[in-house]
Amino acid sequence: MKKYLFVFVLFLGILTATAQTTSTIPFQEEINVFIKKDSIAMPADNSILFVGSSSFNYWKDISNYFPGYAIINRGFGGSSLTDIIHFNQETILKYKPKQIYIYCGENDIAASDTITPQIVFERFKTLYTIIRNHLGNKIPIMYVSIKPSVARWSMEDKFVTANSLIRNFINKQKQTQFLDVHSAMLDTNGEVYKDIFIADKLHMNAKGYAIWQKIIAPTLVQE
């Protein structure tokens, strides 16, 4: 009897540990929402994929900005590049997109003073390599530059440096483009526009997304 009780307790402990491990993985719940949505209606292959952090996640009406295009939005939470790398299958590879837009890197720097622009650059290269290894070299990859904001203006120098490192790398790659939304969000004095954000002074309002639309729209792959 004691033997069976021990086995039961051990089994229960394994289940509990597994459940705790799963529940503590950052953004797992949001990924599960994507998985459920896909199980109900899987997006068509060869769509245009937007993947990254909350600046895409908050862009709920993104399809209205690019009418006539099949758009998949897989922005989630305050994700960093490490999160996109971890969930690359669930947020990128499974969709077999014909074009990928990435917005990520801002939260990496915001997460800790120890995260340097060089680290962000290395993380981007890791993600880029994963995409190329699995989806090939012909699919266009578009990196949307790290944006400035009122809330994170103290990090502006790091954002600029990270953008520069990533841009220099992208300029040497084929079928890859750096989209500079950062400069377009600054006024003539080099300060970020104050009226393009919602109340948190971090995420954009419709006026902010209109700036992004003008830069992204000409780069969308035509049907």
N, C-alpha and C. Protein backbone atom coordinates (compact mmCIF):
# COMPACT_ATOMS: atom_id res chain seq x y z
N MET A 1 0.82 -1.21 0.00
CA MET A 1 0.00 0.00 0.00
C MET A 1 0.86 1.26 0.00
N LYS A 2 1.89 1.24 0.84
CA LYS A 2 2.78 2.39 0.90
C LYS A 2 3.47 2.63 -0.44
N LYS A 3 3.78 1.52 -1.11
CA LYS A 3 4.46 1.62 -2.41
C LYS A 3 3.57 2.35 -3.41
N TYR A 4 2.30 1.96 -3.45
CA TYR A 4 1.37 2.59 -4.40
C TYR A 4 1.12 4.05 -4.04
N LEU A 5 1.06 4.31 -2.73
CA LEU A 5 0.87 5.68 -2.28
C LEU A 5 2.05 6.55 -2.68
N PHE A 6 3.26 6.01 -2.56
CA PHE A 6 4.47 6.74 -2.95
C PHE A 6 4.45 7.05 -4.44
N VAL A 7 4.07 6.04 -5.24
CA VAL A 7 4.02 6.24 -6.69
C VAL A 7 3.00 7.31 -7.05
N PHE A 8 1.84 7.28 -6.38
CA PHE A 8 0.79 8.26 -6.65
C PHE A 8 1.25 9.68 -6.31
N VAL A 9 1.88 9.79 -5.14
CA VAL A 9 2.37 11.10 -4.72
C VAL A 9 3.44 11.61 -5.67
N LEU A 10 4.32 10.72 -6.13
CA LEU A 10 5.36 11.10 -7.08
C LEU A 10 4.75 11.56 -8.39
N PHE A 11 3.74 10.81 -8.87
CA PHE A 11 3.07 11.16 -10.11
C PHE A 11 2.37 12.51 -9.99
N LEU A 12 1.71 12.73 -8.84
CA LEU A 12 1.03 14.00 -8.60
C LEU A 12 2.02 15.15 -8.57
N GLY A 13 3.19 14.90 -7.99
CA GLY A 13 4.23 15.93 -7.94
C GLY A 13 4.74 16.30 -9.31
N ILE A 14 4.87 15.28 -10.18
CA ILE A 14 5.32 15.54 -11.55
C ILE A 14 4.29 16.38 -12.30
N LEU A 15 3.02 16.03 -12.14
CA LEU A 15 1.96 16.79 -12.81
C LEU A 15 1.94 18.24 -12.34
N THR A 16 2.07 18.42 -11.03
CA THR A 16 2.07 19.77 -10.46
C THR A 16 3.25 20.58 -10.96
N ALA A 17 4.43 19.96 -10.98
CA ALA A 17 5.63 20.65 -11.46
C ALA A 17 5.49 21.03 -12.92
N THR A 18 4.91 20.11 -13.73
CA THR A 18 4.72 20.38 -15.16
C THR A 18 3.77 21.55 -15.34
N ALA A 19 2.67 21.54 -14.56
CA ALA A 19 1.69 22.62 -14.67
C ALA A 19 2.29 23.96 -14.27
N GLN A 20 3.10 23.94 -13.21
CA GLN A 20 3.72 25.18 -12.76
C GLN A 20 4.71 25.69 -13.79
N THR A 21 5.47 24.77 -14.38
CA THR A 21 6.46 25.16 -15.38
C THR A 21 5.78 25.79 -16.59
N THR A 22 4.68 25.15 -17.04
CA THR A 22 3.96 25.66 -18.20
C THR A 22 3.36 27.03 -17.92
N SER A 23 2.77 27.18 -16.72
CA SER A 23 2.09 28.43 -16.41
C SER A 23 3.04 29.59 -16.17
N THR A 24 4.30 29.28 -15.86
CA THR A 24 5.24 30.36 -15.58
C THR A 24 6.07 30.76 -16.79
N ILE A 25 5.85 30.10 -17.92
CA ILE A 25 6.54 30.51 -19.14
C ILE A 25 5.94 31.84 -19.59
N PRO A 26 6.76 32.88 -19.73
CA PRO A 26 6.22 34.19 -20.11
C PRO A 26 5.40 34.13 -21.39
N PHE A 27 4.22 34.72 -21.36
CA PHE A 27 3.33 34.86 -22.51
C PHE A 27 2.72 33.55 -23.01
N GLN A 28 2.87 32.46 -22.27
CA GLN A 28 2.30 31.20 -22.71
C GLN A 28 0.78 31.31 -22.91
N GLU A 29 0.11 32.03 -22.02
CA GLU A 29 -1.34 32.16 -22.15
C GLU A 29 -1.73 32.86 -23.45
N GLU A 30 -0.97 33.87 -23.83
CA GLU A 30 -1.26 34.57 -25.08
C GLU A 30 -0.99 33.68 -26.29
N ILE A 31 0.06 32.89 -26.19
CA ILE A 31 0.36 31.94 -27.27
C ILE A 31 -0.75 30.91 -27.37
N ASN A 32 -1.27 30.48 -26.24
CA ASN A 32 -2.37 29.51 -26.24
C ASN A 32 -3.61 30.07 -26.93
N VAL A 33 -3.82 31.39 -26.79
CA VAL A 33 -4.94 32.04 -27.49
C VAL A 33 -4.74 31.95 -28.99
N PHE A 34 -3.51 32.19 -29.45
CA PHE A 34 -3.22 32.06 -30.88
C PHE A 34 -3.50 30.63 -31.35
N ILE A 35 -3.04 29.66 -30.57
CA ILE A 35 -3.20 28.25 -30.94
C ILE A 35 -4.69 27.90 -31.04
N LYS A 36 -5.48 28.39 -30.09
CA LYS A 36 -6.92 28.11 -30.12
C LYS A 36 -7.58 28.75 -31.33
N LYS A 37 -7.22 30.00 -31.62
CA LYS A 37 -7.78 30.68 -32.78
C LYS A 37 -7.43 29.93 -34.06
N ASP A 38 -6.20 29.45 -34.15
CA ASP A 38 -5.75 28.73 -35.34
C ASP A 38 -6.48 27.40 -35.49
N SER A 39 -6.82 26.78 -34.35
CA SER A 39 -7.52 25.50 -34.40
C SER A 39 -8.94 25.68 -34.93
N ILE A 40 -9.49 26.87 -34.72
CA ILE A 40 -10.84 27.17 -35.20
C ILE A 40 -10.80 27.58 -36.67
N ALA A 41 -9.84 28.42 -37.01
CA ALA A 41 -9.70 28.88 -38.40
C ALA A 41 -8.24 29.22 -38.66
N MET A 42 -7.53 28.32 -39.28
CA MET A 42 -6.11 28.52 -39.56
C MET A 42 -5.94 29.53 -40.69
N PRO A 43 -5.16 30.59 -40.45
CA PRO A 43 -4.92 31.57 -41.52
C PRO A 43 -4.30 30.90 -42.75
N ALA A 44 -4.61 31.44 -43.90
CA ALA A 44 -4.11 30.87 -45.15
C ALA A 44 -2.60 31.05 -45.27
N ASP A 45 -1.95 30.07 -45.88
CA ASP A 45 -0.53 30.21 -46.19
C ASP A 45 -0.34 31.42 -47.11
N ASN A 46 0.89 31.92 -47.14
CA ASN A 46 1.24 33.05 -48.02
C ASN A 46 0.54 34.35 -47.63
N SER A 47 0.18 34.46 -46.36
CA SER A 47 -0.31 35.74 -45.86
C SER A 47 0.89 36.60 -45.46
N ILE A 48 0.63 37.83 -45.08
CA ILE A 48 1.68 38.73 -44.61
C ILE A 48 1.62 38.74 -43.08
N LEU A 49 2.73 38.38 -42.46
CA LEU A 49 2.77 38.21 -41.02
C LEU A 49 3.43 39.39 -40.32
N PHE A 50 2.75 39.90 -39.31
CA PHE A 50 3.31 40.91 -38.41
C PHE A 50 3.54 40.24 -37.06
N VAL A 51 4.78 40.19 -36.62
CA VAL A 51 5.10 39.50 -35.38
C VAL A 51 5.99 40.38 -34.51
N GLY A 52 5.79 40.32 -33.20
CA GLY A 52 6.62 41.13 -32.32
C GLY A 52 5.92 41.47 -31.03
N SER A 53 6.19 42.64 -30.52
CA SER A 53 5.72 43.02 -29.19
C SER A 53 4.44 43.85 -29.25
N SER A 54 4.17 44.58 -28.18
CA SER A 54 2.87 45.21 -28.00
C SER A 54 2.53 46.30 -29.02
N SER A 55 3.52 46.88 -29.66
CA SER A 55 3.20 47.90 -30.66
C SER A 55 2.44 47.28 -31.84
N PHE A 56 2.68 46.01 -32.10
CA PHE A 56 1.86 45.28 -33.08
C PHE A 56 0.59 44.75 -32.40
N ASN A 57 0.73 44.27 -31.18
CA ASN A 57 -0.41 43.72 -30.46
C ASN A 57 -1.52 44.76 -30.30
N TYR A 58 -1.15 46.02 -30.03
CA TYR A 58 -2.13 47.09 -29.86
C TYR A 58 -2.74 47.54 -31.20
N TRP A 59 -2.15 47.11 -32.29
CA TRP A 59 -2.64 47.51 -33.61
C TRP A 59 -3.76 46.56 -34.03
N LYS A 60 -4.86 46.61 -33.30
CA LYS A 60 -5.96 45.67 -33.49
C LYS A 60 -6.62 45.79 -34.86
N ASP A 61 -6.66 46.99 -35.40
CA ASP A 61 -7.32 47.21 -36.69
C ASP A 61 -6.32 47.32 -37.83
N ILE A 62 -5.23 46.59 -37.71
CA ILE A 62 -4.15 46.70 -38.69
C ILE A 62 -4.63 46.40 -40.11
N SER A 63 -5.57 45.48 -40.26
CA SER A 63 -6.04 45.12 -41.60
C SER A 63 -6.72 46.31 -42.28
N ASN A 64 -7.31 47.21 -41.47
CA ASN A 64 -7.96 48.39 -42.04
C ASN A 64 -6.94 49.37 -42.64
N TYR A 65 -5.72 49.32 -42.14
CA TYR A 65 -4.67 50.19 -42.64
C TYR A 65 -4.09 49.69 -43.96
N PHE A 66 -4.26 48.38 -44.22
CA PHE A 66 -3.72 47.78 -45.43
C PHE A 66 -4.80 46.94 -46.12
N PRO A 67 -5.83 47.60 -46.60
CA PRO A 67 -6.94 46.87 -47.24
C PRO A 67 -6.48 46.10 -48.48
N GLY A 68 -7.07 44.94 -48.66
CA GLY A 68 -6.72 44.14 -49.83
C GLY A 68 -5.61 43.14 -49.58
N TYR A 69 -5.03 43.18 -48.39
CA TYR A 69 -3.95 42.25 -48.05
C TYR A 69 -4.39 41.29 -46.95
N ALA A 70 -3.95 40.05 -47.07
CA ALA A 70 -4.22 39.05 -46.03
C ALA A 70 -3.17 39.22 -44.93
N ILE A 71 -3.61 39.73 -43.79
CA ILE A 71 -2.69 40.07 -42.70
C ILE A 71 -2.90 39.11 -41.51
N ILE A 72 -1.80 38.63 -40.96
CA ILE A 72 -1.83 37.88 -39.71
C ILE A 72 -1.07 38.72 -38.69
N ASN A 73 -1.70 39.06 -37.58
CA ASN A 73 -1.04 39.84 -36.53
C ASN A 73 -0.75 38.92 -35.35
N ARG A 74 0.53 38.71 -35.08
CA ARG A 74 0.94 37.87 -33.96
C ARG A 74 1.86 38.65 -33.01
N GLY A 75 1.50 39.91 -32.77
CA GLY A 75 2.17 40.67 -31.73
C GLY A 75 1.61 40.24 -30.39
N PHE A 76 2.46 40.12 -29.39
CA PHE A 76 1.93 39.70 -28.09
C PHE A 76 2.68 40.36 -26.94
N GLY A 77 1.87 40.85 -25.98
CA GLY A 77 2.36 41.39 -24.72
C GLY A 77 3.54 42.32 -24.83
N GLY A 78 4.34 42.30 -23.78
CA GLY A 78 5.58 43.08 -23.76
C GLY A 78 6.75 42.19 -24.14
N SER A 79 6.57 41.44 -25.19
CA SER A 79 7.57 40.44 -25.57
C SER A 79 8.88 41.05 -26.02
N SER A 80 9.93 40.31 -25.79
CA SER A 80 11.28 40.67 -26.24
C SER A 80 11.69 39.69 -27.33
N LEU A 81 12.85 39.93 -27.91
CA LEU A 81 13.33 39.04 -28.97
C LEU A 81 13.51 37.61 -28.47
N THR A 82 13.90 37.46 -27.21
CA THR A 82 14.05 36.11 -26.66
C THR A 82 12.72 35.37 -26.65
N ASP A 83 11.62 36.08 -26.43
CA ASP A 83 10.30 35.45 -26.43
C ASP A 83 9.89 35.04 -27.84
N ILE A 84 10.18 35.89 -28.82
CA ILE A 84 9.87 35.55 -30.21
C ILE A 84 10.69 34.34 -30.63
N ILE A 85 11.95 34.31 -30.22
CA ILE A 85 12.81 33.17 -30.53
C ILE A 85 12.23 31.90 -29.90
N HIS A 86 11.81 31.99 -28.65
CA HIS A 86 11.26 30.82 -27.95
C HIS A 86 10.00 30.31 -28.63
N PHE A 87 9.15 31.22 -29.08
CA PHE A 87 7.88 30.84 -29.69
C PHE A 87 7.93 31.00 -31.21
N ASN A 88 9.07 30.78 -31.82
CA ASN A 88 9.19 31.01 -33.26
C ASN A 88 8.26 30.10 -34.07
N GLN A 89 8.08 28.88 -33.62
CA GLN A 89 7.20 27.96 -34.34
C GLN A 89 5.75 28.42 -34.25
N GLU A 90 5.34 28.81 -33.06
CA GLU A 90 3.95 29.20 -32.83
C GLU A 90 3.58 30.55 -33.42
N THR A 91 4.55 31.44 -33.59
CA THR A 91 4.22 32.80 -34.04
C THR A 91 4.72 33.13 -35.45
N ILE A 92 5.59 32.29 -36.00
CA ILE A 92 6.15 32.59 -37.32
C ILE A 92 6.09 31.40 -38.27
N LEU A 93 6.84 30.37 -37.96
CA LEU A 93 7.10 29.28 -38.91
C LEU A 93 5.84 28.55 -39.35
N LYS A 94 4.91 28.32 -38.45
CA LYS A 94 3.72 27.53 -38.76
C LYS A 94 2.84 28.18 -39.82
N TYR A 95 2.97 29.50 -39.99
CA TYR A 95 2.09 30.22 -40.90
C TYR A 95 2.57 30.22 -42.35
N LYS A 96 3.82 29.87 -42.56
CA LYS A 96 4.38 29.86 -43.92
C LYS A 96 4.04 31.16 -44.67
N PRO A 97 4.38 32.30 -44.07
CA PRO A 97 4.00 33.59 -44.67
C PRO A 97 4.83 33.89 -45.92
N LYS A 98 4.32 34.81 -46.71
CA LYS A 98 5.08 35.22 -47.89
C LYS A 98 5.93 36.46 -47.60
N GLN A 99 5.68 37.08 -46.45
CA GLN A 99 6.44 38.25 -46.03
C GLN A 99 6.29 38.40 -44.52
N ILE A 100 7.36 38.84 -43.86
CA ILE A 100 7.34 38.97 -42.40
C ILE A 100 7.77 40.37 -41.98
N TYR A 101 6.98 40.99 -41.12
CA TYR A 101 7.33 42.26 -40.50
C TYR A 101 7.60 41.99 -39.02
N ILE A 102 8.75 42.44 -38.54
CA ILE A 102 9.14 42.21 -37.15
C ILE A 102 9.25 43.55 -36.42
N TYR A 103 8.54 43.66 -35.30
CA TYR A 103 8.79 44.79 -34.40
C TYR A 103 9.12 44.23 -33.03
N CYS A 104 10.38 44.29 -32.66
CA CYS A 104 10.82 43.78 -31.37
C CYS A 104 12.23 44.27 -31.09
N GLY A 105 12.57 44.34 -29.81
CA GLY A 105 13.88 44.82 -29.40
C GLY A 105 13.79 45.92 -28.37
N GLU A 106 12.71 46.67 -28.44
CA GLU A 106 12.50 47.77 -27.49
C GLU A 106 12.38 47.26 -26.06
N ASN A 107 11.58 46.21 -25.89
CA ASN A 107 11.38 45.67 -24.54
C ASN A 107 12.62 44.98 -23.98
N ASP A 108 13.48 44.51 -24.87
CA ASP A 108 14.73 43.91 -24.41
C ASP A 108 15.53 44.94 -23.63
N ILE A 109 15.67 46.12 -24.23
CA ILE A 109 16.44 47.19 -23.59
C ILE A 109 15.73 47.70 -22.34
N ALA A 110 14.41 47.80 -22.40
CA ALA A 110 13.65 48.31 -21.26
C ALA A 110 13.65 47.35 -20.08
N ALA A 111 13.91 46.07 -20.33
CA ALA A 111 13.82 45.05 -19.28
C ALA A 111 14.92 45.18 -18.24
N SER A 112 16.11 45.63 -18.67
CA SER A 112 17.23 45.66 -17.73
C SER A 112 18.34 46.57 -18.24
N ASP A 113 19.01 47.23 -17.32
CA ASP A 113 20.15 48.08 -17.68
C ASP A 113 21.31 47.26 -18.23
N THR A 114 21.28 45.96 -17.98
CA THR A 114 22.38 45.10 -18.44
C THR A 114 22.24 44.69 -19.91
N ILE A 115 21.07 44.95 -20.49
CA ILE A 115 20.84 44.59 -21.89
C ILE A 115 21.32 45.72 -22.79
N THR A 116 22.40 45.48 -23.48
CA THR A 116 23.01 46.50 -24.34
C THR A 116 22.48 46.41 -25.76
N PRO A 117 22.67 47.45 -26.56
CA PRO A 117 22.29 47.38 -27.97
C PRO A 117 22.96 46.21 -28.69
N GLN A 118 24.18 45.87 -28.31
CA GLN A 118 24.87 44.75 -28.92
C GLN A 118 24.13 43.43 -28.64
N ILE A 119 23.62 43.28 -27.44
CA ILE A 119 22.87 42.08 -27.09
C ILE A 119 21.58 42.00 -27.92
N VAL A 120 20.91 43.13 -28.07
CA VAL A 120 19.70 43.18 -28.88
C VAL A 120 20.02 42.78 -30.32
N PHE A 121 21.11 43.30 -30.83
CA PHE A 121 21.54 42.96 -32.19
C PHE A 121 21.81 41.47 -32.33
N GLU A 122 22.50 40.88 -31.37
CA GLU A 122 22.79 39.44 -31.43
C GLU A 122 21.51 38.62 -31.37
N ARG A 123 20.56 39.06 -30.56
CA ARG A 123 19.28 38.36 -30.48
C ARG A 123 18.53 38.45 -31.80
N PHE A 124 18.58 39.63 -32.43
CA PHE A 124 17.93 39.76 -33.73
C PHE A 124 18.56 38.82 -34.74
N LYS A 125 19.87 38.72 -34.75
CA LYS A 125 20.55 37.83 -35.69
C LYS A 125 20.14 36.38 -35.47
N THR A 126 19.95 36.01 -34.20
CA THR A 126 19.51 34.65 -33.89
C THR A 126 18.13 34.39 -34.49
N LEU A 127 17.21 35.32 -34.29
CA LEU A 127 15.87 35.18 -34.86
C LEU A 127 15.92 35.16 -36.37
N TYR A 128 16.70 36.03 -36.94
CA TYR A 128 16.83 36.11 -38.39
C TYR A 128 17.34 34.78 -38.95
N THR A 129 18.32 34.20 -38.30
CA THR A 129 18.89 32.93 -38.75
C THR A 129 17.86 31.80 -38.68
N ILE A 130 17.06 31.79 -37.62
CA ILE A 130 16.01 30.78 -37.49
C ILE A 130 15.04 30.87 -38.66
N ILE A 131 14.62 32.08 -38.97
CA ILE A 131 13.67 32.27 -40.07
C ILE A 131 14.28 31.83 -41.39
N ARG A 132 15.50 32.25 -41.65
CA ARG A 132 16.14 31.89 -42.91
C ARG A 132 16.36 30.37 -43.02
N ASN A 133 16.76 29.75 -41.94
CA ASN A 133 17.02 28.30 -41.96
C ASN A 133 15.76 27.48 -42.23
N HIS A 134 14.62 27.99 -41.77
CA HIS A 134 13.38 27.22 -41.90
C HIS A 134 12.50 27.65 -43.07
N LEU A 135 12.56 28.92 -43.43
CA LEU A 135 11.68 29.42 -44.49
C LEU A 135 12.42 29.81 -45.75
N GLY A 136 13.75 29.73 -45.74
CA GLY A 136 14.52 30.00 -46.93
C GLY A 136 14.93 31.45 -47.08
N ASN A 137 15.63 31.74 -48.16
CA ASN A 137 16.21 33.06 -48.38
C ASN A 137 15.38 33.97 -49.28
N LYS A 138 14.27 33.46 -49.80
CA LYS A 138 13.48 34.26 -50.74
C LYS A 138 12.40 35.09 -50.07
N ILE A 139 11.98 34.69 -48.89
CA ILE A 139 10.90 35.41 -48.21
C ILE A 139 11.39 36.76 -47.70
N PRO A 140 10.70 37.84 -48.03
CA PRO A 140 11.13 39.16 -47.55
C PRO A 140 10.93 39.31 -46.04
N ILE A 141 11.98 39.75 -45.37
CA ILE A 141 11.91 40.02 -43.94
C ILE A 141 12.09 41.52 -43.74
N MET A 142 11.12 42.14 -43.10
CA MET A 142 11.14 43.59 -42.89
C MET A 142 11.25 43.87 -41.40
N TYR A 143 12.30 44.55 -41.00
CA TYR A 143 12.46 44.91 -39.59
C TYR A 143 12.03 46.34 -39.37
N VAL A 144 11.00 46.52 -38.57
CA VAL A 144 10.52 47.86 -38.22
C VAL A 144 11.37 48.38 -37.06
N SER A 145 12.02 49.49 -37.27
CA SER A 145 12.98 50.00 -36.29
C SER A 145 12.36 50.22 -34.91
N ILE A 146 13.20 50.15 -33.89
CA ILE A 146 12.75 50.45 -32.54
C ILE A 146 12.29 51.91 -32.50
N LYS A 147 11.10 52.11 -31.99
CA LYS A 147 10.51 53.45 -32.01
C LYS A 147 10.95 54.27 -30.79
N PRO A 148 10.89 55.59 -30.89
CA PRO A 148 11.08 56.44 -29.71
C PRO A 148 9.75 56.58 -28.99
N SER A 149 9.74 57.00 -27.77
CA SER A 149 8.49 57.28 -27.06
C SER A 149 8.77 58.24 -25.92
N VAL A 150 7.71 58.86 -25.44
CA VAL A 150 7.84 59.78 -24.32
C VAL A 150 8.23 59.00 -23.06
N ALA A 151 7.58 57.87 -22.86
CA ALA A 151 7.79 57.08 -21.65
C ALA A 151 9.22 56.53 -21.54
N ARG A 152 9.84 56.27 -22.69
CA ARG A 152 11.17 55.66 -22.68
C ARG A 152 12.22 56.55 -23.34
N TRP A 153 12.02 57.85 -23.23
CA TRP A 153 12.96 58.77 -23.85
C TRP A 153 14.35 58.66 -23.25
N SER A 154 14.43 58.23 -22.00
CA SER A 154 15.74 58.07 -21.35
C SER A 154 16.56 56.94 -22.00
N MET A 155 15.89 56.09 -22.76
CA MET A 155 16.57 54.97 -23.42
C MET A 155 16.87 55.27 -24.88
N GLU A 156 16.61 56.49 -25.29
CA GLU A 156 16.72 56.86 -26.70
C GLU A 156 18.08 56.54 -27.30
N ASP A 157 19.16 56.83 -26.60
CA ASP A 157 20.49 56.57 -27.14
C ASP A 157 20.70 55.09 -27.43
N LYS A 158 20.21 54.24 -26.53
CA LYS A 158 20.34 52.80 -26.74
C LYS A 158 19.49 52.34 -27.92
N PHE A 159 18.30 52.91 -28.05
CA PHE A 159 17.45 52.57 -29.18
C PHE A 159 18.13 52.93 -30.50
N VAL A 160 18.71 54.11 -30.55
CA VAL A 160 19.39 54.58 -31.77
C VAL A 160 20.56 53.66 -32.11
N THR A 161 21.34 53.29 -31.11
CA THR A 161 22.49 52.43 -31.35
C THR A 161 22.06 51.04 -31.82
N ALA A 162 21.04 50.48 -31.17
CA ALA A 162 20.54 49.16 -31.58
C ALA A 162 20.01 49.20 -33.00
N ASN A 163 19.28 50.26 -33.33
CA ASN A 163 18.77 50.41 -34.70
C ASN A 163 19.92 50.46 -35.70
N SER A 164 20.97 51.18 -35.36
CA SER A 164 22.11 51.32 -36.26
C SER A 164 22.79 49.97 -36.51
N LEU A 165 22.98 49.21 -35.45
CA LEU A 165 23.62 47.88 -35.58
C LEU A 165 22.79 46.97 -36.46
N ILE A 166 21.48 46.96 -36.23
CA ILE A 166 20.60 46.09 -37.00
C ILE A 166 20.51 46.55 -38.45
N ARG A 167 20.44 47.87 -38.64
CA ARG A 167 20.38 48.40 -40.01
C ARG A 167 21.63 48.02 -40.81
N ASN A 168 22.80 48.17 -40.21
CA ASN A 168 24.04 47.85 -40.91
C ASN A 168 24.09 46.38 -41.31
N PHE A 169 23.58 45.51 -40.45
CA PHE A 169 23.52 44.09 -40.77
C PHE A 169 22.54 43.82 -41.89
N ILE A 170 21.34 44.40 -41.79
CA ILE A 170 20.29 44.18 -42.78
C ILE A 170 20.70 44.67 -44.16
N ASN A 171 21.43 45.78 -44.21
CA ASN A 171 21.85 46.33 -45.50
C ASN A 171 22.76 45.40 -46.28
N LYS A 172 23.30 44.39 -45.60
CA LYS A 172 24.18 43.42 -46.25
C LYS A 172 23.46 42.13 -46.63
N GLN A 173 22.18 42.06 -46.29
CA GLN A 173 21.40 40.85 -46.56
C GLN A 173 20.50 41.04 -47.78
N LYS A 174 20.15 39.93 -48.39
CA LYS A 174 19.21 39.95 -49.50
C LYS A 174 17.79 39.73 -48.97
N GLN A 175 16.83 40.28 -49.67
CA GLN A 175 15.42 40.11 -49.32
C GLN A 175 15.13 40.52 -47.87
N THR A 176 15.82 41.54 -47.42
CA THR A 176 15.66 42.01 -46.05
C THR A 176 15.72 43.53 -46.07
N GLN A 177 14.84 44.16 -45.30
CA GLN A 177 14.78 45.62 -45.33
C GLN A 177 14.59 46.19 -43.93
N PHE A 178 15.26 47.29 -43.67
CA PHE A 178 15.13 48.03 -42.42
C PHE A 178 14.18 49.19 -42.66
N LEU A 179 13.08 49.24 -41.91
CA LEU A 179 12.10 50.31 -42.06
C LEU A 179 12.25 51.31 -40.92
N ASP A 180 12.68 52.50 -41.25
CA ASP A 180 13.00 53.51 -40.24
C ASP A 180 11.76 54.30 -39.85
N VAL A 181 11.00 53.78 -38.88
CA VAL A 181 9.87 54.55 -38.35
C VAL A 181 10.35 55.51 -37.27
N HIS A 182 11.52 55.24 -36.72
CA HIS A 182 12.06 56.04 -35.62
C HIS A 182 12.20 57.51 -36.02
N SER A 183 12.86 57.75 -37.12
CA SER A 183 13.09 59.13 -37.57
C SER A 183 11.78 59.86 -37.86
N ALA A 184 10.81 59.11 -38.39
CA ALA A 184 9.54 59.71 -38.76
C ALA A 184 8.71 60.12 -37.55
N MET A 185 9.08 59.63 -36.37
CA MET A 185 8.34 59.93 -35.15
C MET A 185 8.99 61.07 -34.35
N LEU A 186 9.99 61.72 -34.96
CA LEU A 186 10.68 62.83 -34.31
C LEU A 186 10.34 64.14 -35.02
N ASP A 187 10.24 65.21 -34.25
CA ASP A 187 9.95 66.51 -34.85
C ASP A 187 11.25 67.16 -35.34
N THR A 188 11.16 68.39 -35.81
CA THR A 188 12.32 69.07 -36.38
C THR A 188 13.41 69.36 -35.35
N ASN A 189 13.05 69.28 -34.08
CA ASN A 189 14.04 69.48 -33.01
C ASN A 189 14.65 68.17 -32.54
N GLY A 190 14.26 67.09 -33.20
CA GLY A 190 14.81 65.79 -32.82
C GLY A 190 14.16 65.20 -31.59
N GLU A 191 12.99 65.72 -31.21
CA GLU A 191 12.27 65.19 -30.06
C GLU A 191 11.04 64.43 -30.55
N VAL A 192 10.64 63.43 -29.78
CA VAL A 192 9.51 62.60 -30.19
C VAL A 192 8.20 63.40 -30.11
N TYR A 193 7.33 63.20 -31.11
CA TYR A 193 6.02 63.84 -31.08
C TYR A 193 5.26 63.38 -29.84
N LYS A 194 4.60 64.31 -29.19
CA LYS A 194 3.90 63.98 -27.95
C LYS A 194 2.46 63.52 -28.19
N ASP A 195 1.91 63.86 -29.36
CA ASP A 195 0.48 63.61 -29.58
C ASP A 195 0.19 62.33 -30.36
N ILE A 196 1.16 61.45 -30.46
CA ILE A 196 0.95 60.22 -31.23
C ILE A 196 0.84 58.99 -30.32
N PHE A 197 0.69 59.24 -29.02
CA PHE A 197 0.62 58.14 -28.06
C PHE A 197 -0.68 58.18 -27.26
N ILE A 198 -1.04 57.02 -26.73
CA ILE A 198 -2.17 56.96 -25.82
C ILE A 198 -1.70 57.42 -24.44
N ALA A 199 -2.55 57.28 -23.44
CA ALA A 199 -2.26 57.85 -22.12
C ALA A 199 -0.98 57.34 -21.47
N ASP A 200 -0.56 56.12 -21.79
CA ASP A 200 0.65 55.58 -21.16
C ASP A 200 1.93 56.18 -21.73
N LYS A 201 1.80 56.99 -22.80
CA LYS A 201 2.93 57.66 -23.45
C LYS A 201 3.96 56.68 -24.02
N LEU A 202 3.52 55.45 -24.22
CA LEU A 202 4.39 54.40 -24.76
C LEU A 202 3.81 53.79 -26.02
N HIS A 203 2.55 53.44 -25.96
CA HIS A 203 1.89 52.83 -27.12
C HIS A 203 1.19 53.90 -27.95
N MET A 204 1.08 53.64 -29.23
CA MET A 204 0.63 54.67 -30.16
C MET A 204 -0.89 54.72 -30.31
N ASN A 205 -1.35 55.89 -30.68
CA ASN A 205 -2.75 56.07 -31.06
C ASN A 205 -2.84 56.00 -32.59
N ALA A 206 -4.01 56.29 -33.12
CA ALA A 206 -4.22 56.18 -34.57
C ALA A 206 -3.27 57.09 -35.35
N LYS A 207 -2.95 58.24 -34.79
CA LYS A 207 -2.05 59.17 -35.46
C LYS A 207 -0.64 58.57 -35.56
N GLY A 208 -0.23 57.87 -34.53
CA GLY A 208 1.08 57.21 -34.55
C GLY A 208 1.12 56.09 -35.57
N TYR A 209 0.06 55.29 -35.59
CA TYR A 209 0.02 54.17 -36.55
C TYR A 209 -0.09 54.66 -37.99
N ALA A 210 -0.65 55.84 -38.18
CA ALA A 210 -0.71 56.41 -39.53
C ALA A 210 0.69 56.69 -40.06
N ILE A 211 1.60 57.07 -39.15
CA ILE A 211 3.01 57.28 -39.55
C ILE A 211 3.60 55.96 -40.02
N TRP A 212 3.34 54.90 -39.26
CA TRP A 212 3.86 53.58 -39.63
C TRP A 212 3.26 53.10 -40.95
N GLN A 213 1.98 53.37 -41.13
CA GLN A 213 1.30 52.94 -42.36
C GLN A 213 1.98 53.50 -43.61
N LYS A 214 2.33 54.77 -43.55
CA LYS A 214 2.94 55.41 -44.71
C LYS A 214 4.29 54.79 -45.06
N ILE A 215 4.98 54.28 -44.06
CA ILE A 215 6.30 53.68 -44.30
C ILE A 215 6.17 52.21 -44.71
N ILE A 216 5.21 51.51 -44.12
CA ILE A 216 5.05 50.09 -44.40
C ILE A 216 4.35 49.81 -45.72
N ALA A 217 3.30 50.56 -46.01
CA ALA A 217 2.45 50.28 -47.16
C ALA A 217 3.23 50.10 -48.48
N PRO A 218 4.19 50.95 -48.80
CA PRO A 218 4.90 50.78 -50.08
C PRO A 218 5.77 49.52 -50.14
N THR A 219 6.00 48.89 -49.00
CA THR A 219 6.90 47.74 -48.97
C THR A 219 6.16 46.40 -48.96
N LEU A 220 4.82 46.45 -48.90
CA LEU A 220 4.04 45.22 -48.88
C LEU A 220 4.17 44.48 -50.22
N VAL A 221 4.34 43.19 -50.12
CA VAL A 221 4.45 42.36 -51.33
C VAL A 221 3.09 42.34 -52.03
N GLN A 222 3.09 42.64 -53.30
CA GLN A 222 1.85 42.64 -54.08
C GLN A 222 1.40 41.21 -54.36
N GLU A 223 0.10 41.06 -54.52
CA GLU A 223 -0.46 39.73 -54.82
C GLU A 223 0.05 39.26 -56.19
